[in-house]
N, C-alpha and C. Protein backbone atom coordinates (compact mmCIF):
# COMPACT_ATOMS: atom_id res chain seq x y z
N MET A 1 109.04 188.45 80.32
CA MET A 1 109.07 187.44 80.60
C MET A 1 109.63 185.83 80.05
N THR A 2 110.87 186.07 79.96
CA THR A 2 111.60 185.12 80.31
C THR A 2 111.39 183.99 80.72
N LYS A 3 111.60 182.71 80.04
CA LYS A 3 111.57 181.57 80.43
C LYS A 3 112.81 180.81 81.66
N GLN A 4 113.07 180.48 82.29
CA GLN A 4 114.31 180.07 83.66
C GLN A 4 114.64 178.85 82.90
N THR A 5 114.96 178.05 82.75
CA THR A 5 115.73 177.14 81.65
C THR A 5 116.08 176.29 82.79
N ASN A 6 117.28 176.96 83.64
CA ASN A 6 117.39 176.13 84.72
C ASN A 6 116.94 175.33 85.80
N LEU A 7 116.54 174.65 85.98
CA LEU A 7 116.18 173.99 87.09
C LEU A 7 116.70 173.78 88.80
N LEU A 8 118.31 174.81 89.21
CA LEU A 8 118.00 174.94 90.55
C LEU A 8 118.71 176.77 90.58
N GLU A 9 119.14 177.82 89.25
CA GLU A 9 119.32 178.72 89.95
C GLU A 9 118.29 179.11 88.94
N VAL A 10 116.94 179.96 90.30
CA VAL A 10 115.53 180.95 89.95
C VAL A 10 115.49 182.17 90.43
N ASP A 11 115.44 183.23 89.59
CA ASP A 11 115.24 184.53 89.65
C ASP A 11 113.66 184.13 90.07
N TRP A 12 113.64 184.00 91.85
CA TRP A 12 111.87 184.12 92.84
C TRP A 12 111.29 185.45 92.84
N SER A 13 112.32 185.96 91.64
CA SER A 13 110.96 187.13 91.22
C SER A 13 110.18 187.59 90.21
N GLN A 14 110.53 186.32 89.75
CA GLN A 14 109.77 186.26 88.72
C GLN A 14 109.19 185.52 88.70
N ILE A 15 108.98 184.68 89.53
CA ILE A 15 108.08 183.94 89.52
C ILE A 15 106.17 184.21 90.25
N PRO A 16 105.50 183.81 90.06
CA PRO A 16 104.35 184.01 90.91
C PRO A 16 103.45 183.10 92.32
N ALA A 17 104.68 183.62 93.07
CA ALA A 17 104.22 183.39 94.38
C ALA A 17 102.54 182.51 94.69
N PRO A 18 102.23 181.75 94.85
CA PRO A 18 100.71 181.33 95.82
C PRO A 18 100.37 181.67 96.00
N GLN A 19 98.85 181.68 96.73
CA GLN A 19 98.42 182.30 97.54
C GLN A 19 97.86 181.42 98.27
N ASP A 20 96.59 181.69 99.93
CA ASP A 20 97.12 180.85 101.19
C ASP A 20 94.97 180.35 100.20
N ASP A 21 94.89 179.60 99.16
CA ASP A 21 93.36 179.29 99.09
C ASP A 21 93.15 178.52 100.24
N GLY A 22 93.70 177.94 101.54
CA GLY A 22 92.74 177.57 102.16
C GLY A 22 92.04 176.41 102.36
N ALA A 23 93.15 175.15 100.95
CA ALA A 23 93.29 173.99 100.92
C ALA A 23 93.64 173.43 101.53
N ALA A 24 94.40 173.70 102.40
CA ALA A 24 95.68 172.46 103.98
C ALA A 24 94.66 172.45 105.01
N ALA A 25 94.05 173.96 105.07
CA ALA A 25 93.55 173.84 107.02
C ALA A 25 93.12 172.64 107.32
N HIS A 26 92.54 172.33 107.22
CA HIS A 26 91.96 170.87 108.07
C HIS A 26 93.22 170.14 107.92
N LEU A 27 94.62 170.12 107.73
CA LEU A 27 95.27 168.52 107.95
C LEU A 27 95.70 168.83 108.67
N VAL A 28 96.10 170.62 110.26
CA VAL A 28 96.82 169.31 111.64
C VAL A 28 95.67 169.08 112.49
N GLY A 29 95.92 168.71 113.17
CA GLY A 29 95.60 167.35 113.86
C GLY A 29 95.09 166.18 113.51
N MET A 30 94.87 165.87 111.73
CA MET A 30 94.63 164.83 111.11
C MET A 30 96.22 163.77 111.40
N THR A 31 94.65 162.64 111.28
CA THR A 31 95.74 161.02 111.48
C THR A 31 96.06 160.55 110.73
N VAL A 32 97.28 160.64 109.44
CA VAL A 32 97.46 160.19 108.18
C VAL A 32 96.52 158.28 108.41
N PRO A 33 96.53 158.24 107.13
CA PRO A 33 95.21 156.98 106.35
C PRO A 33 96.25 156.04 106.07
N PRO A 34 96.31 154.48 107.01
CA PRO A 34 97.50 153.98 106.74
C PRO A 34 97.31 152.87 104.95
N ILE A 35 98.25 153.44 104.38
CA ILE A 35 98.28 153.42 102.69
C ILE A 35 99.47 153.37 102.33
N SER A 36 99.97 152.71 101.65
CA SER A 36 101.30 151.56 101.85
C SER A 36 101.95 153.14 100.56
N LEU A 37 103.40 153.19 99.78
CA LEU A 37 103.34 154.14 99.24
C LEU A 37 104.77 153.24 98.71
N ARG A 38 105.07 153.49 96.90
CA ARG A 38 105.75 153.26 97.24
C ARG A 38 107.57 154.36 97.07
N ALA A 39 108.55 153.16 97.64
CA ALA A 39 109.48 154.38 98.02
C ALA A 39 110.68 153.93 97.26
N THR A 40 111.76 156.06 97.26
CA THR A 40 112.22 155.13 95.48
C THR A 40 114.10 153.91 96.17
N ASN A 41 113.25 153.68 97.53
CA ASN A 41 114.41 152.74 98.09
C ASN A 41 113.95 151.14 97.85
N ASP A 42 113.09 151.08 96.95
CA ASP A 42 112.43 150.68 96.88
C ASP A 42 111.78 149.03 97.70
N THR A 43 111.00 150.21 98.77
CA THR A 43 110.62 149.97 100.36
C THR A 43 108.70 150.50 99.85
N ALA A 44 108.55 149.53 100.70
CA ALA A 44 107.15 150.45 100.19
C ALA A 44 106.81 150.54 102.39
N VAL A 45 106.51 152.39 102.33
CA VAL A 45 106.24 153.46 103.52
C VAL A 45 104.96 153.09 103.43
N VAL A 46 104.29 152.81 104.91
CA VAL A 46 102.99 153.53 105.77
C VAL A 46 103.22 154.55 106.68
N LEU A 47 102.70 155.95 106.24
CA LEU A 47 103.42 156.80 106.80
C LEU A 47 102.90 156.93 108.04
N SER A 48 101.95 155.75 108.61
CA SER A 48 100.64 155.75 109.19
C SER A 48 101.15 155.11 110.77
N GLU A 49 102.50 153.83 109.81
CA GLU A 49 102.86 152.85 111.02
C GLU A 49 104.72 154.21 111.48
N LEU A 50 104.73 154.48 111.23
CA LEU A 50 106.35 155.22 111.35
C LEU A 50 106.06 155.74 113.33
N ARG A 51 106.90 155.48 113.86
CA ARG A 51 107.08 156.20 115.58
C ARG A 51 107.43 157.25 114.59
N GLY A 52 107.42 158.35 116.18
CA GLY A 52 108.81 159.16 116.16
C GLY A 52 108.21 160.27 115.05
N ARG A 53 108.85 160.91 114.50
CA ARG A 53 109.29 162.24 113.54
C ARG A 53 109.54 161.65 113.00
N THR A 54 108.41 162.12 112.08
CA THR A 54 108.77 162.37 110.69
C THR A 54 108.24 164.04 110.06
N VAL A 55 109.71 164.56 108.73
CA VAL A 55 108.91 165.68 107.19
C VAL A 55 108.23 164.74 106.85
N VAL A 56 107.66 165.25 105.65
CA VAL A 56 106.78 165.08 104.17
C VAL A 56 107.44 166.53 103.08
N PHE A 57 108.03 166.38 103.22
CA PHE A 57 107.71 167.47 101.48
C PHE A 57 106.70 167.12 100.11
N ALA A 58 105.63 167.75 100.06
CA ALA A 58 104.91 167.92 98.95
C ALA A 58 105.28 168.79 97.65
N TYR A 59 105.40 168.02 96.93
CA TYR A 59 105.49 169.27 95.75
C TYR A 59 104.88 167.80 94.31
N PRO A 60 104.66 169.15 93.63
CA PRO A 60 104.19 169.24 91.42
C PRO A 60 105.31 167.64 91.12
N ARG A 61 106.04 169.03 90.60
CA ARG A 61 106.74 167.72 89.72
C ARG A 61 108.21 168.36 90.03
N THR A 62 109.44 166.97 89.76
CA THR A 62 110.51 167.67 89.71
C THR A 62 110.82 167.51 88.14
N GLY A 63 111.43 168.66 87.95
CA GLY A 63 111.31 168.27 86.05
C GLY A 63 112.98 167.86 85.72
N GLU A 64 113.06 167.37 84.43
CA GLU A 64 114.04 166.83 84.55
C GLU A 64 114.52 167.69 83.35
N PRO A 65 116.00 167.60 83.41
CA PRO A 65 116.99 168.37 82.84
C PRO A 65 116.95 168.44 81.35
N GLY A 66 116.61 168.99 80.43
CA GLY A 66 117.30 168.82 79.17
C GLY A 66 115.72 168.44 78.78
N LYS A 67 114.58 168.11 79.25
CA LYS A 67 113.35 168.29 78.63
C LYS A 67 112.92 169.72 79.05
N ILE A 68 111.89 169.70 78.46
CA ILE A 68 110.58 170.50 78.07
C ILE A 68 109.77 170.65 79.83
N SER A 69 109.10 171.30 78.94
CA SER A 69 108.00 171.18 80.94
C SER A 69 106.71 170.86 80.58
N LEU A 70 106.32 170.50 80.57
CA LEU A 70 104.50 170.06 80.77
C LEU A 70 103.27 171.13 79.86
N VAL A 71 104.06 172.37 80.35
CA VAL A 71 103.26 173.29 79.28
C VAL A 71 104.64 174.49 79.73
N ASP A 72 103.50 175.19 78.49
CA ASP A 72 104.84 176.14 77.97
C ASP A 72 104.63 177.91 79.26
N ASP A 73 103.80 177.59 79.61
CA ASP A 73 103.46 178.53 81.23
C ASP A 73 103.29 177.76 81.86
N TRP A 74 104.93 176.70 82.47
CA TRP A 74 105.04 175.94 83.97
C TRP A 74 104.82 177.33 84.44
N ASP A 75 106.25 177.86 84.85
CA ASP A 75 107.30 179.01 85.00
C ASP A 75 105.70 179.89 85.98
N MET A 76 105.00 180.33 85.29
CA MET A 76 104.02 181.35 85.67
C MET A 76 102.93 180.65 86.69
N ILE A 77 102.44 179.56 87.04
CA ILE A 77 100.79 178.56 87.43
C ILE A 77 101.57 179.02 88.84
N PRO A 78 101.29 179.64 89.34
CA PRO A 78 101.40 179.87 91.03
C PRO A 78 101.62 178.49 91.60
N GLY A 79 102.87 178.42 92.51
CA GLY A 79 103.55 177.38 92.90
C GLY A 79 104.48 176.19 92.26
N ALA A 80 104.25 176.72 91.54
CA ALA A 80 104.49 174.68 89.55
C ALA A 80 105.45 175.57 89.69
N ARG A 81 106.36 176.50 89.91
CA ARG A 81 107.58 176.28 89.45
C ARG A 81 108.93 176.10 91.12
N GLY A 82 110.19 174.99 91.45
CA GLY A 82 111.30 175.55 92.52
C GLY A 82 110.38 173.48 93.06
N CYS A 83 109.72 173.01 92.36
CA CYS A 83 109.93 171.52 92.85
C CYS A 83 111.80 170.84 93.25
N THR A 84 112.24 171.19 91.69
CA THR A 84 114.35 170.81 92.05
C THR A 84 115.21 171.61 93.39
N PRO A 85 114.52 172.40 93.24
CA PRO A 85 115.70 173.77 94.41
C PRO A 85 114.66 173.33 96.13
N GLN A 86 113.69 173.04 95.98
CA GLN A 86 112.85 172.16 96.97
C GLN A 86 113.94 171.06 97.54
N THR A 87 113.27 170.28 97.02
CA THR A 87 114.04 168.78 96.99
C THR A 87 115.75 169.19 97.53
N CYS A 88 116.19 169.90 96.84
CA CYS A 88 117.03 169.37 97.01
C CYS A 88 118.60 170.58 98.58
N ALA A 89 117.21 171.83 99.02
CA ALA A 89 117.47 171.65 99.93
C ALA A 89 116.64 171.51 101.02
N PHE A 90 115.99 170.39 101.94
CA PHE A 90 116.41 169.44 101.98
C PHE A 90 116.91 168.02 101.74
N ARG A 91 117.50 167.78 100.70
CA ARG A 91 119.00 167.33 100.49
C ARG A 91 120.10 167.58 101.66
N ASP A 92 120.32 169.23 101.08
CA ASP A 92 120.95 169.74 102.19
C ASP A 92 121.23 169.71 103.27
N LEU A 93 119.61 169.84 103.92
CA LEU A 93 120.06 170.57 105.15
C LEU A 93 119.22 168.96 105.70
N PHE A 94 119.15 167.73 105.61
CA PHE A 94 119.30 166.01 105.57
C PHE A 94 120.02 166.16 107.01
N ALA A 95 121.15 165.91 107.42
CA ALA A 95 121.61 166.39 108.57
C ALA A 95 120.99 167.02 109.59
N GLU A 96 121.38 168.21 109.32
CA GLU A 96 120.36 169.15 110.98
C GLU A 96 118.93 168.52 110.97
N LEU A 97 118.45 168.16 110.07
CA LEU A 97 116.51 167.94 110.43
C LEU A 97 116.85 166.14 110.80
N LYS A 98 117.48 166.01 110.76
CA LYS A 98 117.99 164.29 111.40
C LYS A 98 117.79 165.03 113.21
N ALA A 99 119.12 165.69 112.89
CA ALA A 99 119.51 166.58 114.82
C ALA A 99 118.59 166.96 115.30
N ALA A 100 117.80 167.70 114.54
CA ALA A 100 117.03 168.38 115.60
C ALA A 100 115.83 167.65 115.22
N GLY A 101 115.44 166.10 115.27
CA GLY A 101 114.69 165.55 115.28
C GLY A 101 113.38 164.98 114.94
N ALA A 102 114.02 165.21 114.10
CA ALA A 102 113.37 164.24 112.04
C ALA A 102 113.88 162.63 112.70
N LYS A 103 113.22 161.78 112.50
CA LYS A 103 113.29 160.63 112.70
C LYS A 103 113.60 160.08 111.06
N GLN A 104 112.80 160.69 109.89
CA GLN A 104 112.63 160.04 108.60
C GLN A 104 112.75 161.60 107.96
N VAL A 105 112.87 161.56 106.78
CA VAL A 105 112.34 162.62 106.11
C VAL A 105 112.26 162.57 104.39
N PHE A 106 110.89 162.16 103.99
CA PHE A 106 109.79 161.41 102.07
C PHE A 106 110.20 162.64 101.94
N GLY A 107 110.32 163.00 100.26
CA GLY A 107 109.82 163.69 99.99
C GLY A 107 108.05 163.01 98.95
N LEU A 108 107.52 163.61 98.87
CA LEU A 108 106.05 162.97 98.46
C LEU A 108 105.48 163.96 96.39
N SER A 109 105.71 163.01 95.89
CA SER A 109 105.36 163.89 94.98
C SER A 109 103.51 162.53 93.62
N THR A 110 103.03 163.70 93.25
CA THR A 110 101.99 161.67 92.25
C THR A 110 102.75 161.32 91.06
N GLN A 111 103.77 161.35 90.84
CA GLN A 111 105.35 160.43 89.72
C GLN A 111 105.21 159.77 89.85
N SER A 112 105.43 158.58 88.85
CA SER A 112 105.97 157.55 89.15
C SER A 112 107.31 157.12 89.93
N ASN A 113 107.04 155.71 90.42
CA ASN A 113 108.75 155.54 91.49
C ASN A 113 109.48 155.48 90.69
N ALA A 114 109.56 155.20 88.88
CA ALA A 114 110.81 155.11 88.12
C ALA A 114 111.32 155.82 87.93
N TYR A 115 110.27 156.87 87.51
CA TYR A 115 111.08 158.24 87.30
C TYR A 115 112.01 159.24 89.05
N GLN A 116 110.61 159.21 89.90
CA GLN A 116 112.23 159.84 90.90
C GLN A 116 112.92 158.82 91.74
N THR A 117 112.89 157.23 91.12
CA THR A 117 114.13 156.76 91.79
C THR A 117 115.61 157.53 90.39
N GLU A 118 114.59 157.55 89.54
CA GLU A 118 115.64 157.70 89.07
C GLU A 118 116.36 159.30 89.23
N MET A 119 115.69 160.27 88.83
CA MET A 119 115.99 162.50 89.67
C MET A 119 116.31 161.70 91.53
N ALA A 120 116.11 160.78 92.19
CA ALA A 120 116.70 160.95 93.89
C ALA A 120 117.74 160.35 93.38
N SER A 121 118.48 159.57 92.17
CA SER A 121 119.81 159.42 92.09
C SER A 121 120.76 160.21 91.99
N ARG A 122 119.76 160.74 90.48
CA ARG A 122 120.10 162.28 89.86
C ARG A 122 120.75 163.09 90.76
N LEU A 123 120.12 163.41 91.88
CA LEU A 123 120.32 164.52 92.66
C LEU A 123 121.45 164.25 94.47
N HIS A 124 120.79 163.02 94.65
CA HIS A 124 122.16 162.37 94.97
C HIS A 124 121.18 163.00 96.74
N LEU A 125 119.89 161.83 96.73
CA LEU A 125 118.99 162.83 97.86
C LEU A 125 119.51 161.72 98.48
N PRO A 126 119.46 161.58 100.01
CA PRO A 126 120.76 161.33 101.40
C PRO A 126 118.20 160.07 101.91
N PHE A 127 117.72 160.91 101.48
CA PHE A 127 116.00 160.03 101.76
C PHE A 127 115.17 159.66 100.10
N PRO A 128 114.56 159.10 100.59
CA PRO A 128 114.02 158.44 99.96
C PRO A 128 112.79 159.34 99.20
N VAL A 129 111.72 159.37 98.54
CA VAL A 129 111.13 159.67 97.68
C VAL A 129 109.65 159.02 97.72
N LEU A 130 108.49 159.39 97.83
CA LEU A 130 107.27 158.72 98.15
C LEU A 130 106.24 158.98 96.75
N SER A 131 105.92 158.14 95.47
CA SER A 131 105.38 158.30 95.21
C SER A 131 103.68 157.81 95.05
N ASP A 132 102.77 159.00 94.66
CA ASP A 132 100.85 158.37 94.97
C ASP A 132 100.65 159.33 94.23
N GLU A 133 101.07 158.02 92.89
CA GLU A 133 100.74 157.85 91.54
C GLU A 133 99.87 157.74 91.62
N ALA A 134 99.09 156.66 92.43
CA ALA A 134 97.45 156.28 91.89
C ALA A 134 96.75 157.14 93.04
N LEU A 135 96.51 158.75 94.01
CA LEU A 135 96.73 159.32 94.76
C LEU A 135 95.32 158.87 95.82
N GLU A 136 96.06 157.93 95.82
CA GLU A 136 96.01 157.41 97.38
C GLU A 136 95.84 158.34 98.07
N LEU A 137 96.88 158.61 99.34
CA LEU A 137 97.35 159.05 99.81
C LEU A 137 96.66 161.02 100.00
N THR A 138 97.00 161.68 98.83
CA THR A 138 96.51 162.73 98.63
C THR A 138 94.12 163.26 98.36
N GLU A 139 94.31 162.14 98.03
CA GLU A 139 92.83 162.34 98.21
C GLU A 139 92.41 161.40 99.73
N ALA A 140 92.64 160.49 100.32
CA ALA A 140 92.72 160.24 101.19
C ALA A 140 92.18 161.98 102.47
N LEU A 141 93.81 162.28 102.54
CA LEU A 141 94.35 163.17 102.85
C LEU A 141 93.42 165.22 103.12
N ARG A 142 92.64 164.87 101.20
CA ARG A 142 92.10 165.49 101.06
C ARG A 142 93.60 167.32 100.68
N LEU A 143 94.66 166.30 100.17
CA LEU A 143 95.79 167.21 100.11
C LEU A 143 95.75 168.58 98.62
N PRO A 144 95.91 169.02 98.54
CA PRO A 144 95.37 169.56 97.85
C PRO A 144 96.07 170.37 96.45
N VAL A 145 95.33 170.45 95.39
CA VAL A 145 95.90 169.79 94.40
C VAL A 145 96.34 170.63 92.96
N MET A 146 96.91 170.88 92.29
CA MET A 146 96.58 171.84 90.72
C MET A 146 96.21 170.87 89.34
N GLU A 147 95.66 170.83 88.78
CA GLU A 147 95.38 170.57 87.41
C GLU A 147 95.86 170.37 86.18
N VAL A 148 97.49 169.79 86.39
CA VAL A 148 98.01 171.30 84.31
C VAL A 148 98.39 169.16 83.50
N ALA A 149 97.87 170.21 82.67
CA ALA A 149 97.98 168.74 80.75
C ALA A 149 97.54 167.38 82.07
N GLU A 150 96.16 167.41 81.94
CA GLU A 150 95.60 166.73 82.24
C GLU A 150 95.83 165.10 83.17
N LEU A 151 97.15 166.36 84.52
CA LEU A 151 97.57 165.45 85.26
C LEU A 151 97.01 165.80 86.32
N THR A 152 96.49 165.09 87.44
CA THR A 152 96.47 165.63 88.82
C THR A 152 97.97 165.69 89.83
N LEU A 153 98.07 167.30 89.60
CA LEU A 153 99.55 167.56 91.16
C LEU A 153 99.53 168.14 92.21
N ILE A 154 100.29 167.40 93.49
CA ILE A 154 99.75 167.91 94.83
C ILE A 154 100.88 169.60 95.12
N LYS A 155 100.19 170.22 95.57
CA LYS A 155 101.01 171.44 95.61
C LYS A 155 101.80 171.49 96.82
N ARG A 156 102.75 172.51 96.76
CA ARG A 156 104.23 172.29 97.59
C ARG A 156 103.78 172.28 98.70
N MET A 157 103.62 172.05 99.77
CA MET A 157 103.93 172.17 101.31
C MET A 157 104.72 171.02 102.01
N ALA A 158 104.59 171.73 103.04
CA ALA A 158 106.04 170.10 104.02
C ALA A 158 104.49 170.27 105.83
N LEU A 159 104.66 168.65 105.54
CA LEU A 159 103.53 168.44 107.01
C LEU A 159 105.33 167.93 107.82
N VAL A 160 104.73 167.91 109.07
CA VAL A 160 105.83 167.05 110.69
C VAL A 160 104.62 166.64 110.45
N ILE A 161 104.39 165.03 110.67
CA ILE A 161 103.95 164.07 111.07
C ILE A 161 104.20 163.25 112.86
N ASP A 162 103.94 163.17 113.82
CA ASP A 162 103.73 162.54 115.45
C ASP A 162 103.21 161.47 115.57
N ASP A 163 104.22 160.30 115.06
CA ASP A 163 103.37 158.98 115.36
C ASP A 163 101.67 158.94 115.09
N ALA A 164 102.08 159.23 113.26
CA ALA A 164 100.62 159.37 112.52
C ALA A 164 99.93 161.05 112.97
N LYS A 165 100.10 161.16 113.68
CA LYS A 165 98.81 162.39 113.60
C LYS A 165 100.15 163.81 112.50
N ILE A 166 99.30 164.67 112.11
CA ILE A 166 100.19 165.99 111.74
C ILE A 166 100.05 167.00 112.33
N THR A 167 101.18 167.74 112.73
CA THR A 167 100.60 168.43 114.06
C THR A 167 101.98 170.41 113.48
N GLN A 168 102.63 169.72 111.91
CA GLN A 168 102.56 170.80 111.50
C GLN A 168 102.36 171.36 110.47
N LEU A 169 102.35 171.83 109.83
CA LEU A 169 101.48 172.56 108.41
C LEU A 169 102.57 174.03 107.63
N PHE A 170 102.91 173.14 106.72
CA PHE A 170 104.31 174.54 105.52
C PHE A 170 102.88 174.80 104.46
N TYR A 171 102.57 176.13 104.17
CA TYR A 171 101.36 175.51 102.71
C TYR A 171 100.75 177.03 102.92
N PRO A 172 100.77 178.07 101.97
CA PRO A 172 101.37 177.77 100.89
C PRO A 172 102.79 177.75 101.38
N VAL A 173 103.89 177.13 100.15
CA VAL A 173 105.80 177.75 100.58
C VAL A 173 105.55 178.53 99.16
N PHE A 174 106.59 179.18 99.39
CA PHE A 174 107.54 180.42 99.03
C PHE A 174 108.53 180.93 98.82
N PRO A 175 109.51 181.18 99.12
CA PRO A 175 109.70 180.69 97.88
C PRO A 175 111.06 179.21 98.08
N PRO A 176 110.13 178.73 97.09
CA PRO A 176 110.57 176.19 97.65
C PRO A 176 111.96 176.37 98.31
N ASP A 177 113.31 177.40 97.86
CA ASP A 177 114.78 176.63 98.58
C ASP A 177 114.18 176.64 99.49
N ARG A 178 114.21 178.21 100.35
CA ARG A 178 113.56 178.49 102.21
C ARG A 178 112.40 176.92 103.00
N ASN A 179 112.04 176.12 101.75
CA ASN A 179 111.54 175.34 102.15
C ASN A 179 111.80 174.66 104.01
N ALA A 180 113.06 174.14 103.48
CA ALA A 180 113.99 173.11 104.64
C ALA A 180 114.08 174.13 105.84
N GLY A 181 114.59 174.86 105.65
CA GLY A 181 115.00 175.92 106.32
C GLY A 181 114.00 176.17 107.16
N ASP A 182 112.46 176.60 107.26
CA ASP A 182 111.42 176.71 107.66
C ASP A 182 111.48 175.58 108.58
N VAL A 183 111.69 174.33 108.53
CA VAL A 183 111.48 173.48 109.02
C VAL A 183 112.70 173.21 110.12
N LEU A 184 113.42 172.59 109.46
CA LEU A 184 114.18 173.72 110.11
C LEU A 184 114.48 174.50 111.50
N GLU A 185 114.06 175.09 111.30
CA GLU A 185 113.45 176.29 112.28
C GLU A 185 112.98 175.95 113.45
N TRP A 186 111.84 175.80 112.35
CA TRP A 186 110.44 174.90 113.39
C TRP A 186 110.71 173.64 114.35
N LEU A 187 111.28 173.20 113.56
CA LEU A 187 112.15 171.10 114.40
C LEU A 187 112.04 171.65 115.38
N LYS A 188 114.01 172.62 115.34
CA LYS A 188 114.42 173.01 116.33
C LYS A 188 113.47 173.40 118.06
N SER A 189 112.98 174.65 117.16
CA SER A 189 111.43 175.74 118.74
C SER A 189 110.48 173.80 119.29
N ASN A 190 110.53 173.68 118.09
CA ASN A 190 109.37 172.82 118.45
C ASN A 190 109.98 170.46 119.25
N PRO A 191 111.03 170.72 120.28
CA PRO A 191 111.46 169.62 120.06
C PRO A 191 110.51 168.43 120.49
N VAL A 192 111.62 167.32 120.05
CA VAL A 192 109.73 166.40 120.15
C VAL A 192 110.08 165.83 121.97
């Protein structure tokens, strides 16, 4: 197995797919708790206060070009690889997601707001990314996580939230670059 170093061009046939471990089954129907998260547009976002339909896609951590992975076998951890392709797919389909009823779109990870702000600028994201570095939302919703290099990382998923209630879950997500398209199709089939 050769290590795939390009963050965007990934041969998904060489990456292990995550299995549905049931760790997110409780989420549909839950009300999002009133937790404030720092966003890359320098605002505080409380998902439970947002009206209308919100899409939140969560991922373990986006990579930094030219930097080494957290661990040597990052690509072989099911569900770890693909955060940048997932994020870029939501970027590329942002206007269509909005047209299909998503009033807001957010990325979510446990990375620091400072790192996320650099990444959002580098990838030209039209939506904010939320930092749950303190794991408040992750723990309150009991989001599925993975422990890698002594860090707690959210497993890849997407949530559709309508007026603070989680109405749809995409989990597990594979390949990551198709997640935005799957969410878009669901939004079109389930108008507000």
